[in-house]
Amino acid sequence: MTALDADFAEAFFGRAWAMEKAGDVDNAILEYGEAIRLKPGYADAHFSRGVLEFTAGRLDAAARDFAA
């Protein structure tokens, strides 16, 4: 994979959203993480990952995302 810029974060977000809707929560969390890695201030990705972490019972991880 070549170097990616922050604009590509939306592609990871879209992929994560599709995975989430398909019930693939663990991979959705990873993809939201990639979106955040590319664009650290990506509030929608932090919120979406936080919701998934919360529903999975990973409260510390959810709190970190909600505080970001």
N, C-alpha and C. Protein backbone atom coordinates (compact mmCIF):
# COMPACT_ATOMS: atom_id res chain seq x y z
N MET A 1 0.85 -1.18 0.00
CA MET A 1 0.00 0.00 0.00
C MET A 1 0.89 1.24 0.00
N THR A 2 0.52 2.21 -0.73
CA THR A 2 1.29 3.45 -0.80
C THR A 2 0.89 4.37 0.35
N ALA A 3 1.64 5.43 0.53
CA ALA A 3 1.33 6.40 1.56
C ALA A 3 -0.06 6.99 1.30
N LEU A 4 -0.82 7.15 2.36
CA LEU A 4 -2.18 7.66 2.24
C LEU A 4 -2.27 9.03 2.90
N ASP A 5 -3.12 9.88 2.39
CA ASP A 5 -3.30 11.17 3.02
C ASP A 5 -4.58 11.18 3.85
N ALA A 6 -4.78 12.26 4.60
CA ALA A 6 -5.93 12.35 5.50
C ALA A 6 -7.26 12.27 4.77
N ASP A 7 -7.31 12.67 3.50
CA ASP A 7 -8.57 12.60 2.76
C ASP A 7 -9.04 11.17 2.56
N PHE A 8 -8.13 10.23 2.61
CA PHE A 8 -8.50 8.83 2.43
C PHE A 8 -9.18 8.24 3.67
N ALA A 9 -9.15 8.99 4.77
CA ALA A 9 -9.78 8.52 6.01
C ALA A 9 -11.26 8.23 5.80
N GLU A 10 -11.91 9.01 4.95
CA GLU A 10 -13.33 8.79 4.70
C GLU A 10 -13.61 7.43 4.07
N ALA A 11 -12.67 6.93 3.28
CA ALA A 11 -12.85 5.60 2.69
C ALA A 11 -12.83 4.53 3.78
N PHE A 12 -11.91 4.66 4.72
CA PHE A 12 -11.88 3.71 5.83
C PHE A 12 -13.14 3.83 6.69
N PHE A 13 -13.61 5.07 6.87
CA PHE A 13 -14.83 5.28 7.63
C PHE A 13 -16.01 4.58 6.95
N GLY A 14 -16.13 4.74 5.65
CA GLY A 14 -17.22 4.10 4.91
C GLY A 14 -17.14 2.59 4.98
N ARG A 15 -15.94 2.06 4.87
CA ARG A 15 -15.76 0.61 4.97
C ARG A 15 -16.13 0.12 6.37
N ALA A 16 -15.71 0.88 7.39
CA ALA A 16 -16.05 0.52 8.77
C ALA A 16 -17.55 0.52 8.97
N TRP A 17 -18.21 1.54 8.43
CA TRP A 17 -19.67 1.64 8.58
C TRP A 17 -20.35 0.43 7.95
N ALA A 18 -19.89 0.04 6.77
CA ALA A 18 -20.47 -1.13 6.09
C ALA A 18 -20.23 -2.39 6.91
N MET A 19 -19.04 -2.54 7.45
CA MET A 19 -18.74 -3.71 8.30
C MET A 19 -19.62 -3.72 9.54
N GLU A 20 -19.78 -2.55 10.13
CA GLU A 20 -20.64 -2.44 11.32
C GLU A 20 -22.06 -2.88 11.00
N LYS A 21 -22.60 -2.40 9.90
CA LYS A 21 -23.97 -2.75 9.52
C LYS A 21 -24.11 -4.24 9.19
N ALA A 22 -23.02 -4.86 8.75
CA ALA A 22 -23.02 -6.30 8.45
C ALA A 22 -22.80 -7.14 9.70
N GLY A 23 -22.56 -6.48 10.84
CA GLY A 23 -22.37 -7.21 12.08
C GLY A 23 -20.93 -7.60 12.37
N ASP A 24 -20.00 -7.12 11.57
CA ASP A 24 -18.58 -7.43 11.74
C ASP A 24 -17.94 -6.36 12.62
N VAL A 25 -18.29 -6.39 13.90
CA VAL A 25 -17.92 -5.33 14.83
C VAL A 25 -16.41 -5.21 15.01
N ASP A 26 -15.72 -6.31 15.22
CA ASP A 26 -14.28 -6.24 15.46
C ASP A 26 -13.53 -5.62 14.30
N ASN A 27 -13.86 -5.99 13.09
CA ASN A 27 -13.20 -5.39 11.93
C ASN A 27 -13.63 -3.95 11.71
N ALA A 28 -14.87 -3.63 12.04
CA ALA A 28 -15.32 -2.24 11.95
C ALA A 28 -14.51 -1.37 12.90
N ILE A 29 -14.26 -1.85 14.11
CA ILE A 29 -13.44 -1.10 15.07
C ILE A 29 -12.05 -0.86 14.50
N LEU A 30 -11.47 -1.86 13.88
CA LEU A 30 -10.14 -1.71 13.28
C LEU A 30 -10.15 -0.68 12.15
N GLU A 31 -11.18 -0.71 11.32
CA GLU A 31 -11.26 0.24 10.21
C GLU A 31 -11.49 1.67 10.70
N TYR A 32 -12.33 1.83 11.72
CA TYR A 32 -12.48 3.16 12.31
C TYR A 32 -11.14 3.64 12.85
N GLY A 33 -10.38 2.71 13.41
CA GLY A 33 -9.04 3.04 13.90
C GLY A 33 -8.13 3.53 12.80
N GLU A 34 -8.21 2.92 11.63
CA GLU A 34 -7.40 3.37 10.49
C GLU A 34 -7.81 4.78 10.06
N ALA A 35 -9.11 5.04 10.06
CA ALA A 35 -9.58 6.39 9.72
C ALA A 35 -9.02 7.40 10.71
N ILE A 36 -9.02 7.04 11.98
CA ILE A 36 -8.50 7.94 13.02
C ILE A 36 -7.00 8.10 12.90
N ARG A 37 -6.29 7.04 12.54
CA ARG A 37 -4.84 7.13 12.37
C ARG A 37 -4.50 8.14 11.27
N LEU A 38 -5.28 8.12 10.19
CA LEU A 38 -5.04 9.02 9.08
C LEU A 38 -5.49 10.45 9.37
N LYS A 39 -6.53 10.56 10.18
CA LYS A 39 -7.11 11.87 10.48
C LYS A 39 -7.48 11.89 11.96
N PRO A 40 -6.49 12.17 12.83
CA PRO A 40 -6.68 12.04 14.28
C PRO A 40 -7.87 12.80 14.86
N GLY A 41 -8.25 13.89 14.27
CA GLY A 41 -9.37 14.67 14.78
C GLY A 41 -10.71 14.29 14.18
N TYR A 42 -10.81 13.13 13.60
CA TYR A 42 -12.03 12.70 12.88
C TYR A 42 -13.11 12.31 13.91
N ALA A 43 -13.92 13.29 14.29
CA ALA A 43 -14.90 13.11 15.36
C ALA A 43 -15.89 11.99 15.08
N ASP A 44 -16.39 11.89 13.85
CA ASP A 44 -17.37 10.84 13.54
C ASP A 44 -16.78 9.45 13.73
N ALA A 45 -15.52 9.28 13.37
CA ALA A 45 -14.88 7.98 13.53
C ALA A 45 -14.66 7.66 15.00
N HIS A 46 -14.24 8.65 15.78
CA HIS A 46 -14.07 8.44 17.22
C HIS A 46 -15.41 8.07 17.85
N PHE A 47 -16.46 8.79 17.50
CA PHE A 47 -17.78 8.51 18.07
C PHE A 47 -18.26 7.12 17.69
N SER A 48 -18.16 6.79 16.41
CA SER A 48 -18.65 5.48 15.94
C SER A 48 -17.87 4.34 16.58
N ARG A 49 -16.55 4.48 16.66
CA ARG A 49 -15.76 3.43 17.30
C ARG A 49 -16.09 3.37 18.79
N GLY A 50 -16.30 4.53 19.40
CA GLY A 50 -16.66 4.56 20.81
C GLY A 50 -17.97 3.83 21.10
N VAL A 51 -18.94 4.02 20.24
CA VAL A 51 -20.23 3.33 20.41
C VAL A 51 -20.03 1.82 20.33
N LEU A 52 -19.26 1.37 19.35
CA LEU A 52 -19.01 -0.07 19.21
C LEU A 52 -18.25 -0.62 20.42
N GLU A 53 -17.25 0.12 20.87
CA GLU A 53 -16.49 -0.31 22.04
C GLU A 53 -17.42 -0.38 23.26
N PHE A 54 -18.28 0.61 23.41
CA PHE A 54 -19.22 0.63 24.54
C PHE A 54 -20.15 -0.57 24.51
N THR A 55 -20.74 -0.84 23.36
CA THR A 55 -21.67 -1.96 23.27
C THR A 55 -20.98 -3.30 23.44
N ALA A 56 -19.66 -3.35 23.17
CA ALA A 56 -18.88 -4.58 23.38
C ALA A 56 -18.40 -4.70 24.82
N GLY A 57 -18.72 -3.70 25.64
CA GLY A 57 -18.32 -3.74 27.04
C GLY A 57 -16.91 -3.26 27.31
N ARG A 58 -16.28 -2.67 26.31
CA ARG A 58 -14.91 -2.14 26.47
C ARG A 58 -15.01 -0.67 26.85
N LEU A 59 -15.38 -0.44 28.10
CA LEU A 59 -15.72 0.89 28.54
C LEU A 59 -14.55 1.86 28.55
N ASP A 60 -13.36 1.38 28.91
CA ASP A 60 -12.20 2.28 28.91
C ASP A 60 -11.89 2.76 27.50
N ALA A 61 -11.94 1.84 26.54
CA ALA A 61 -11.68 2.22 25.14
C ALA A 61 -12.74 3.19 24.65
N ALA A 62 -13.99 2.93 25.01
CA ALA A 62 -15.07 3.82 24.61
C ALA A 62 -14.87 5.21 25.19
N ALA A 63 -14.51 5.28 26.46
CA ALA A 63 -14.29 6.56 27.11
C ALA A 63 -13.18 7.35 26.44
N ARG A 64 -12.11 6.66 26.03
CA ARG A 64 -11.02 7.34 25.32
C ARG A 64 -11.52 7.95 24.01
N ASP A 65 -12.34 7.19 23.27
CA ASP A 65 -12.85 7.72 22.01
C ASP A 65 -13.81 8.88 22.24
N PHE A 66 -14.66 8.78 23.24
CA PHE A 66 -15.61 9.86 23.49
C PHE A 66 -14.92 11.13 23.99
N ALA A 67 -13.75 10.97 24.62
CA ALA A 67 -13.01 12.12 25.12
C ALA A 67 -12.14 12.76 24.05
N ALA A 68 -11.93 12.07 22.95
CA ALA A 68 -11.02 12.58 21.90
C ALA A 68 -11.65 13.72 21.13
